[in-house]
């Protein structure tokens, strides 16, 4: 796949957000594309469906339990060890083509410039949603990362293994699920292995250099500039003088607000103290354990009854959709994982997703990812949060959020229709 066709969106995007001094979303549709009507595959035959009434007794604990997650591969000094000197970026430069070597040398000679480095970049699309990526060498880029990110071995090992590290804001905006694989439109599949806050406006994630080449990202179109924070304004002006009209320069980090901070009034200081106290209280409250949300499902004796009761958690959702997901994910409790991506339990939740959407279905006071009595109504809860109760395209998109693949959506809908005929 070539990233050339996506570049006008990338540059227009950077231009717009440079004007408002904040880069957040990709220009164009950020909504996931939905399938055209009639594109689902044929429904499953009733003879292909397991008997829900007698399949895998629900009484007792699950036979397969969690196993310790593998530790992240150690990161040696060759990829940027603990003793690395951090050089936080003050400017992010995006050009329409790789900057000439002479231009980079001229920038490096500017007053206040202490370090520069260039990286590959461009835009990709996943199910119609556009993401701006940088392709980096972890050994070089680690020095540009915030301290908390530089100290996360998982981030740097993921890049060396050809996986995507998504910016935390992009994870929230696009509903990305850590550990899941996503099909790049016209390109390879990418696994989202980790997330981190890089603080680079408009950058939705990082990949390694080899992965960037596979994605068709353009070489050397992104440039980071380091210098004193107090000189951010002068750096910005100097770099702009050396660049043509096709490049954009964005101030990164604290330098963006340095002038405003210098003029802070006594009233603003008082407001800041009040905000700090409020934040401290909110943080303390957030650290308190979250009580598991309870739903009235109980402990039915079969998956058939469990799916039917759990569907009531999401008005408008058919129990057959839950049954179809249960069949695809674990064959109704036969294979509870953990999967290679870390998904767990009969409905194959990632732990982070479970933390947000897991419910206590049988009233024992615990939301247990391995218990079908909790996992099935939790699946209904998650689907409902993504609009499944509205049916139609909303239902299809909610299933897509469950597993980011349109072939998965087709399979679930097909099996669901089969169950609807088998259990009228």
Protein backbone atom coordinates (compact mmCIF):
# COMPACT_ATOMS: atom_id res chain seq x y z
CA UNK A 1 0.00 0.00 0.00
CA UNK A 2 1.23 3.51 -0.72
CA UNK A 3 0.67 6.33 1.72
CA UNK A 4 0.88 8.96 -1.04
CA UNK A 5 -2.86 9.08 -1.56
CA UNK A 6 -3.38 9.80 2.14
CA UNK A 7 -0.88 12.63 2.43
CA UNK A 8 -3.18 15.51 1.43
CA UNK A 9 -5.35 14.58 4.41
CA UNK A 10 -2.32 14.46 6.68
CA UNK A 11 -0.97 17.84 5.67
CA UNK A 12 -4.39 19.50 5.67
CA UNK A 13 -4.90 18.01 9.10
CA UNK A 14 -1.65 19.41 10.46
CA UNK A 15 -2.38 22.81 8.89
CA UNK A 16 -5.78 23.06 10.51
CA UNK A 17 -4.60 22.02 13.95
CA UNK A 18 -1.52 24.21 13.84
CA UNK A 19 -3.90 27.15 13.51
CA UNK A 20 -5.84 26.11 16.61
CA UNK A 21 -2.63 24.98 18.37
CA UNK A 22 -3.90 21.47 19.04
CA UNK A 23 -3.81 18.37 16.85
CA UNK A 24 -6.37 15.80 17.82
CA UNK A 25 -8.29 14.04 15.07
CA UNK A 26 -7.66 13.04 11.49
CA UNK A 27 -9.33 15.21 8.85
CA UNK A 28 -12.19 13.38 7.20
CA UNK A 29 -14.42 10.67 8.61
CA UNK A 30 -13.39 9.25 11.95
CA UNK A 31 -16.43 7.04 12.07
CA UNK A 32 -15.88 3.41 11.22
CA UNK A 33 -17.22 2.43 7.84
CA UNK A 34 -20.27 0.20 7.86
CA UNK A 35 -20.99 -2.58 5.45
CA UNK A 36 -23.45 -1.93 2.61
CA UNK A 37 -26.85 -3.51 2.90
CA UNK A 38 -26.97 -7.15 1.86
CA UNK A 39 -23.22 -7.75 2.24
CA UNK A 40 -23.47 -10.32 5.05
CA UNK A 41 -22.74 -13.93 4.21
CA UNK A 42 -25.34 -16.70 4.18
CA UNK A 43 -26.70 -17.74 7.58
CA UNK A 44 -25.51 -20.85 9.37
CA UNK A 45 -27.54 -24.01 9.04
CA UNK A 46 -29.30 -25.22 12.18
CA UNK A 47 -27.48 -28.57 11.88
CA UNK A 48 -24.16 -26.74 12.36
CA UNK A 49 -25.16 -25.21 15.70
CA UNK A 50 -24.32 -26.81 19.08
CA UNK A 51 -27.19 -27.69 21.42
CA UNK A 52 -27.33 -24.77 23.84
CA UNK A 53 -29.67 -26.52 26.26
CA UNK A 54 -27.21 -29.30 27.05
CA UNK A 55 -23.80 -27.82 26.25
CA UNK A 56 -21.16 -27.43 28.99
CA UNK A 57 -22.88 -27.47 32.39
CA UNK A 58 -22.66 -24.09 34.07
CA UNK A 59 -22.42 -25.26 37.68
CA UNK A 60 -19.03 -24.99 39.38
CA UNK A 61 -15.92 -22.97 38.60
CA UNK A 62 -14.44 -22.81 35.10
CA UNK A 63 -12.01 -25.60 34.30
CA UNK A 64 -9.46 -23.25 32.79
CA UNK A 65 -8.10 -20.40 34.88
CA UNK A 66 -5.78 -17.47 34.30
CA UNK A 67 -2.10 -17.96 33.76
CA UNK A 68 0.61 -15.41 34.48
CA UNK A 69 1.15 -13.01 31.58
CA UNK A 70 4.57 -13.36 29.97
CA UNK A 71 6.98 -10.67 31.04
CA UNK A 72 8.03 -8.12 28.47
CA UNK A 73 11.31 -8.77 26.75
CA UNK A 74 14.14 -6.89 28.44
CA UNK A 75 15.27 -3.78 26.62
CA UNK A 76 19.03 -3.43 26.47
CA UNK A 77 21.12 -0.32 26.09
CA UNK A 78 21.22 -0.98 22.35
CA UNK A 79 17.58 0.09 22.16
CA UNK A 80 17.92 2.91 24.64
CA UNK A 81 18.65 1.85 28.19
CA UNK A 82 17.77 3.44 31.55
CA UNK A 83 20.76 5.79 31.33
CA UNK A 84 19.52 7.49 28.17
CA UNK A 85 19.56 11.30 28.07
CA UNK A 86 16.07 12.57 27.33
CA UNK A 87 15.69 15.39 24.79
CA UNK A 88 11.99 16.38 24.78
CA UNK A 89 10.84 17.80 21.45
CA UNK A 90 10.02 21.49 21.24
CA UNK A 91 8.91 21.45 17.59
CA UNK A 92 7.28 18.90 15.31
CA UNK A 93 7.84 19.56 11.61
CA UNK A 94 5.72 17.80 8.97
CA UNK A 95 6.77 18.15 5.34
CA UNK A 96 5.23 16.93 2.10
CA UNK A 97 8.43 15.08 1.22
CA UNK A 98 11.64 14.17 2.99
CA UNK A 99 13.55 17.28 4.00
CA UNK A 100 16.82 17.81 2.06
CA UNK A 101 19.94 17.10 4.06
CA UNK A 102 21.10 20.70 3.64
CA UNK A 103 17.86 22.01 5.14
CA UNK A 104 18.28 19.74 8.14
CA UNK A 105 21.85 20.92 8.59
CA UNK A 106 20.70 24.54 8.41
CA UNK A 107 18.07 23.88 11.07
CA UNK A 108 20.63 22.20 13.30
CA UNK A 109 22.81 25.32 13.10
CA UNK A 110 20.07 27.66 14.31
CA UNK A 111 20.53 29.40 17.62
CA UNK A 112 18.98 27.43 20.50
CA UNK A 113 18.76 24.18 18.47
CA UNK A 114 20.47 21.42 20.44
CA UNK A 115 19.30 18.31 18.58
CA UNK A 116 17.20 17.26 15.59
CA UNK A 117 16.13 13.89 14.18
CA UNK A 118 13.89 12.87 11.29
CA UNK A 119 11.49 9.94 11.03
CA UNK A 120 9.20 8.38 8.44
CA UNK A 121 5.50 9.15 8.57
CA UNK A 122 2.14 9.16 6.81
CA UNK A 123 -1.52 8.24 7.11
CA UNK A 124 -3.17 4.81 7.01
CA UNK A 125 -6.83 3.79 7.22
CA UNK A 126 -8.36 1.03 9.30
CA UNK A 127 -12.00 0.24 8.48
CA UNK A 128 -12.37 3.73 7.07
CA UNK A 129 -10.82 5.54 10.07
CA UNK A 130 -7.65 7.51 9.38
CA UNK A 131 -4.60 7.32 11.66
CA UNK A 132 -1.39 9.36 11.42
CA UNK A 133 1.68 7.26 12.22
CA UNK A 134 5.41 7.75 12.64
CA UNK A 135 7.84 4.94 11.84
CA UNK A 136 10.78 5.12 14.21
CA UNK A 137 13.98 3.42 15.26
CA UNK A 138 13.35 2.71 18.98
CA UNK A 139 17.02 3.28 19.83
CA UNK A 140 16.84 6.83 18.47
CA UNK A 141 13.28 7.75 19.28
CA UNK A 142 13.34 6.71 22.94
CA UNK A 143 15.25 9.88 23.86
CA UNK A 144 12.38 11.96 22.46
CA UNK A 145 9.73 10.25 24.60
CA UNK A 146 8.44 11.54 27.95
CA UNK A 147 10.33 10.04 30.91
CA UNK A 148 7.43 7.81 31.98
CA UNK A 149 7.18 6.37 28.45
CA UNK A 150 10.93 5.98 28.01
CA UNK A 151 10.95 3.75 31.09
CA UNK A 152 8.30 1.36 29.73
CA UNK A 153 10.10 -1.67 28.20
CA UNK A 154 6.82 -2.93 26.72
CA UNK A 155 6.60 0.09 24.40
CA UNK A 156 10.05 -0.39 22.90
CA UNK A 157 9.89 -4.17 22.66
CA UNK A 158 6.54 -3.84 20.83
CA UNK A 159 8.13 -1.56 18.21
CA UNK A 160 11.04 -3.94 17.66
CA UNK A 161 8.52 -6.77 17.18
CA UNK A 162 6.67 -4.95 14.40
CA UNK A 163 3.62 -4.01 16.45
CA UNK A 164 1.69 -0.75 16.80
CA UNK A 165 2.02 1.43 19.89
CA UNK A 166 -1.01 3.71 19.88
CA UNK A 167 -1.14 7.12 21.50
CA UNK A 168 -3.44 7.04 24.52
CA UNK A 169 -5.72 9.69 23.01
CA UNK A 170 -6.13 7.61 19.83
CA UNK A 171 -7.04 4.55 21.89
CA UNK A 172 -9.91 6.49 23.45
CA UNK A 173 -10.96 8.24 20.25
CA UNK A 174 -11.07 5.18 18.01
CA UNK A 175 -12.01 2.59 20.64
CA UNK A 176 -8.83 0.58 20.04
CA UNK A 177 -8.45 -2.57 22.14
CA UNK A 178 -4.96 -3.47 23.32
CA UNK A 179 -3.93 -6.92 22.14
CA UNK A 180 -6.29 -6.86 19.15
CA UNK A 181 -5.26 -7.02 15.51
CA UNK A 182 -6.63 -4.55 12.95
CA UNK A 183 -6.73 -4.89 9.19
CA UNK A 184 -5.15 -1.90 7.44
CA UNK A 185 -7.15 -0.95 4.35
CA UNK A 186 -5.13 -2.34 1.43
CA UNK A 187 -2.27 -3.37 3.72
CA UNK A 188 -1.17 -5.80 6.44
CA UNK A 189 -2.72 -6.53 9.82
CA UNK A 190 -1.42 -4.56 12.79
CA UNK A 191 -1.54 -5.66 16.41
CA UNK A 192 -2.02 -2.89 18.97
CA UNK A 193 0.47 -4.08 21.57
CA UNK A 194 0.66 -1.07 23.87
CA UNK A 195 -0.43 2.53 24.38
CA UNK A 196 1.41 5.58 25.69
CA UNK A 197 1.09 9.36 25.77
CA UNK A 198 3.83 10.66 23.49
CA UNK A 199 2.67 14.28 23.53
CA UNK A 200 3.10 14.74 19.76
CA UNK A 201 0.09 16.64 18.38
CA UNK A 202 -1.65 14.77 15.59
CA UNK A 203 0.42 11.57 15.90
CA UNK A 204 -1.91 8.63 16.59
CA UNK A 205 0.75 5.99 17.03
CA UNK A 206 4.22 4.61 16.34
CA UNK A 207 5.50 1.61 14.42
CA UNK A 208 9.00 0.35 13.75
CA UNK A 209 10.84 1.34 10.60
CA UNK A 210 10.36 -1.98 8.82
CA UNK A 211 6.62 -1.94 9.57
CA UNK A 212 6.51 1.62 8.29
CA UNK A 213 8.00 0.51 4.99
CA UNK A 214 5.40 -2.26 4.71
CA UNK A 215 2.68 0.35 5.30
CA UNK A 216 4.12 2.66 2.64
CA UNK A 217 4.94 5.53 5.01
CA UNK A 218 7.13 8.20 3.46
CA UNK A 219 10.78 8.51 4.52
CA UNK A 220 11.95 11.51 6.51
CA UNK A 221 8.76 13.59 6.41
CA UNK A 222 8.69 14.23 10.17
CA UNK A 223 11.38 16.19 12.02
CA UNK A 224 11.72 16.68 15.78
CA UNK A 225 13.67 19.65 17.16
CA UNK A 226 15.02 19.97 20.70
CA UNK A 227 16.17 23.09 22.51
CA UNK A 228 15.50 25.07 25.68
CA UNK A 229 11.80 25.26 26.54
CA UNK A 230 12.01 29.01 27.09
CA UNK A 231 13.29 29.40 23.52
CA UNK A 232 10.36 27.56 21.90
CA UNK A 233 9.00 30.71 20.22
CA UNK A 234 12.39 31.65 18.76
CA UNK A 235 12.92 28.07 17.58
CA UNK A 236 9.56 28.08 15.85
CA UNK A 237 10.30 31.35 14.02
CA UNK A 238 13.78 30.25 12.97
CA UNK A 239 12.68 26.90 11.58
CA UNK A 240 9.79 28.46 9.67
CA UNK A 241 12.19 30.83 7.92
CA UNK A 242 14.15 27.86 6.54
CA UNK A 243 11.17 25.84 5.32
CA UNK A 244 9.03 26.27 2.25
CA UNK A 245 5.28 26.68 2.22
CA UNK A 246 4.73 22.92 1.99
CA UNK A 247 5.87 22.23 5.55
CA UNK A 248 4.11 22.82 8.86
CA UNK A 249 5.73 23.58 12.22
CA UNK A 250 3.93 22.85 15.49
CA UNK A 251 5.18 23.77 18.96
CA UNK A 252 5.16 20.75 21.27
CA UNK A 253 4.79 20.48 25.03
CA UNK A 254 5.23 23.20 27.64
CA UNK A 255 6.65 25.74 25.19
CA UNK A 256 3.16 26.06 23.73
CA UNK A 257 1.93 27.81 26.88
CA UNK A 258 5.12 29.45 28.10
CA UNK A 259 4.01 33.02 27.34
CA UNK A 260 0.65 32.55 29.02
CA UNK A 261 2.38 31.10 32.07
CA UNK A 262 4.63 34.17 32.33
CA UNK A 263 1.57 36.43 32.63
CA UNK A 264 -0.28 34.38 35.22
CA UNK A 265 -2.17 36.65 37.60
CA UNK A 266 -2.85 36.25 41.30
CA UNK A 267 -6.39 35.20 40.45
CA UNK A 268 -5.09 32.50 38.14
CA UNK A 269 -2.77 31.24 40.89
CA UNK A 270 -5.70 30.97 43.27
CA UNK A 271 -7.69 29.12 40.63
CA UNK A 272 -4.75 26.77 40.09
CA UNK A 273 -4.59 25.96 43.81
CA UNK A 274 -8.30 25.26 43.91
CA UNK A 275 -8.02 23.05 40.83
CA UNK A 276 -5.09 21.19 42.39
CA UNK A 277 -7.13 20.43 45.51
CA UNK A 278 -10.08 19.26 43.41
CA UNK A 279 -7.81 17.09 41.30
CA UNK A 280 -6.21 15.58 44.40
CA UNK A 281 -9.64 14.67 45.78
CA UNK A 282 -10.71 13.19 42.43
CA UNK A 283 -7.48 11.19 42.22
CA UNK A 284 -7.94 9.81 45.72
CA UNK A 285 -11.51 8.86 44.88
CA UNK A 286 -10.41 7.19 41.63
CA UNK A 287 -7.93 5.02 43.54
CA UNK A 288 -10.74 3.50 45.58
CA UNK A 289 -11.77 0.02 44.32
CA UNK A 290 -14.75 0.17 41.97
CA UNK A 291 -17.70 -1.83 43.23
CA UNK A 292 -18.87 -4.31 40.63
CA UNK A 293 -22.07 -3.25 38.93
CA UNK A 294 -24.79 -5.82 39.56
CA UNK A 295 -27.35 -7.11 37.07
CA UNK A 296 -30.14 -9.59 37.72
CA UNK A 297 -29.13 -12.72 35.80
CA UNK A 298 -28.67 -15.31 38.53
CA UNK A 299 -27.20 -18.76 37.92
CA UNK A 300 -29.28 -20.53 35.24
CA UNK A 301 -28.55 -24.16 34.44
CA UNK A 302 -27.74 -23.81 30.73
CA UNK A 303 -26.14 -21.37 28.34
CA UNK A 304 -29.47 -21.09 26.52
CA UNK A 305 -31.15 -19.62 29.62
CA UNK A 306 -28.06 -17.55 30.44
CA UNK A 307 -27.98 -15.91 27.01
CA UNK A 308 -31.71 -15.20 27.18
CA UNK A 309 -31.54 -13.60 30.62
CA UNK A 310 -28.40 -11.63 29.80
CA UNK A 311 -29.94 -10.06 26.70
CA UNK A 312 -32.28 -8.15 29.03
CA UNK A 313 -29.24 -6.12 30.14
CA UNK A 314 -29.44 -4.41 26.74
CA UNK A 315 -33.04 -3.70 25.65
CA UNK A 316 -33.35 -4.35 21.94
CA UNK A 317 -30.48 -6.87 21.78
CA UNK A 318 -31.39 -10.40 20.74
CA UNK A 319 -30.06 -13.21 22.91
CA UNK A 320 -29.03 -14.97 19.69
CA UNK A 321 -26.29 -12.38 19.14
CA UNK A 322 -24.82 -13.19 22.56
CA UNK A 323 -25.09 -16.89 21.76
CA UNK A 324 -23.32 -16.39 18.43
CA UNK A 325 -20.48 -14.46 20.08
CA UNK A 326 -20.23 -17.11 22.79
CA UNK A 327 -19.91 -19.82 20.16
CA UNK A 328 -17.27 -17.97 18.14
CA UNK A 329 -15.22 -16.86 21.16
CA UNK A 330 -15.10 -20.00 23.31
CA UNK A 331 -17.57 -22.54 21.91
CA UNK A 332 -19.79 -21.76 24.92
CA UNK A 333 -17.15 -22.25 27.60
CA UNK A 334 -15.16 -25.07 26.01
CA UNK A 335 -12.09 -22.89 25.43
CA UNK A 336 -11.82 -20.06 27.93
CA UNK A 337 -8.25 -19.05 27.12
CA UNK A 338 -6.21 -17.03 27.78
CA UNK A 339 -5.79 -16.41 24.07
CA UNK A 340 -2.46 -15.50 22.49
CA UNK A 341 -3.54 -11.84 22.77
CA UNK A 342 -4.43 -12.17 26.46
CA UNK A 343 -8.24 -12.41 26.17
CA UNK A 344 -9.85 -14.39 28.99
CA UNK A 345 -13.00 -16.23 29.92
CA UNK A 346 -15.97 -17.65 28.02
CA UNK A 347 -16.64 -14.34 26.27
CA UNK A 348 -12.92 -13.58 25.72
CA UNK A 349 -12.58 -10.15 27.29
CA UNK A 350 -9.30 -8.27 27.41
CA UNK A 351 -8.62 -7.38 31.07
CA UNK A 352 -8.65 -3.62 30.38
CA UNK A 353 -12.05 -3.86 28.67
CA UNK A 354 -13.35 -6.04 31.48
CA UNK A 355 -12.30 -3.45 34.03
CA UNK A 356 -14.57 -0.92 32.34
CA UNK A 357 -17.56 -3.11 31.39
CA UNK A 358 -17.47 -6.23 33.59
CA UNK A 359 -20.59 -6.76 35.75
CA UNK A 360 -21.63 -9.04 38.60
CA UNK A 361 -24.34 -11.18 37.06
CA UNK A 362 -24.99 -13.73 39.82
CA UNK A 363 -24.95 -11.35 42.79
CA UNK A 364 -21.94 -12.82 44.59
CA UNK A 365 -20.31 -9.37 44.85
CA UNK A 366 -17.54 -10.09 42.33
CA UNK A 367 -17.29 -9.44 38.59
CA UNK A 368 -15.30 -12.51 37.54
CA UNK A 369 -13.98 -12.58 33.98
CA UNK A 370 -13.83 -16.40 34.11
CA UNK A 371 -17.43 -16.89 35.27
CA UNK A 372 -20.07 -17.29 32.55
CA UNK A 373 -22.66 -15.80 34.91
CA UNK A 374 -20.67 -12.56 34.85
CA UNK A 375 -19.05 -12.76 31.41
CA UNK A 376 -22.21 -13.16 29.31
CA UNK A 377 -24.13 -10.20 30.81
CA UNK A 378 -20.89 -8.20 30.64
CA UNK A 379 -20.78 -8.88 26.90
CA UNK A 380 -24.32 -7.54 26.66
CA UNK A 381 -23.26 -4.50 28.67
CA UNK A 382 -20.31 -3.83 26.34
CA UNK A 383 -22.37 -4.30 23.18
CA UNK A 384 -25.06 -2.00 24.53
CA UNK A 385 -22.52 0.72 25.29
CA UNK A 386 -21.65 0.65 21.60
CA UNK A 387 -25.25 0.91 20.39
CA UNK A 388 -26.22 -2.74 19.87
CA UNK A 389 -29.72 -2.23 21.27
CA UNK A 390 -30.56 0.05 18.33
CA UNK A 391 -30.22 -2.81 15.83
CA UNK A 392 -29.31 -2.54 12.14
CA UNK A 393 -26.00 -0.90 11.32
CA UNK A 394 -25.57 0.12 14.97
CA UNK A 395 -25.68 -3.54 15.95
CA UNK A 396 -23.13 -4.47 13.28
CA UNK A 397 -20.79 -1.71 14.43
CA UNK A 398 -21.16 -2.79 18.07
CA UNK A 399 -20.15 -6.33 17.09
CA UNK A 400 -17.22 -4.84 15.16
CA UNK A 401 -16.08 -3.15 18.37
CA UNK A 402 -16.17 -6.55 20.06
CA UNK A 403 -13.69 -7.92 17.51
CA UNK A 404 -12.37 -5.49 14.92
CA UNK A 405 -13.10 -7.49 11.77
CA UNK A 406 -16.01 -7.30 9.35
CA UNK A 407 -15.66 -11.00 8.59
CA UNK A 408 -16.20 -11.56 12.33
CA UNK A 409 -19.36 -9.42 12.16
CA UNK A 410 -20.64 -11.49 9.22
CA UNK A 411 -19.92 -14.74 11.05
CA UNK A 412 -21.67 -13.62 14.24
CA UNK A 413 -24.73 -12.36 12.36
CA UNK A 414 -24.92 -15.58 10.38
CA UNK A 415 -24.77 -17.78 13.49
CA UNK A 416 -27.24 -15.49 15.27
CA UNK A 417 -29.80 -15.96 12.49
CA UNK A 418 -29.25 -19.70 12.66
CA UNK A 419 -29.96 -19.74 16.41
CA UNK A 420 -33.08 -17.62 15.85
CA UNK A 421 -34.45 -20.36 13.56
CA UNK A 422 -33.32 -23.25 15.77
CA UNK A 423 -34.78 -21.74 18.98
CA UNK A 424 -37.91 -19.79 17.94
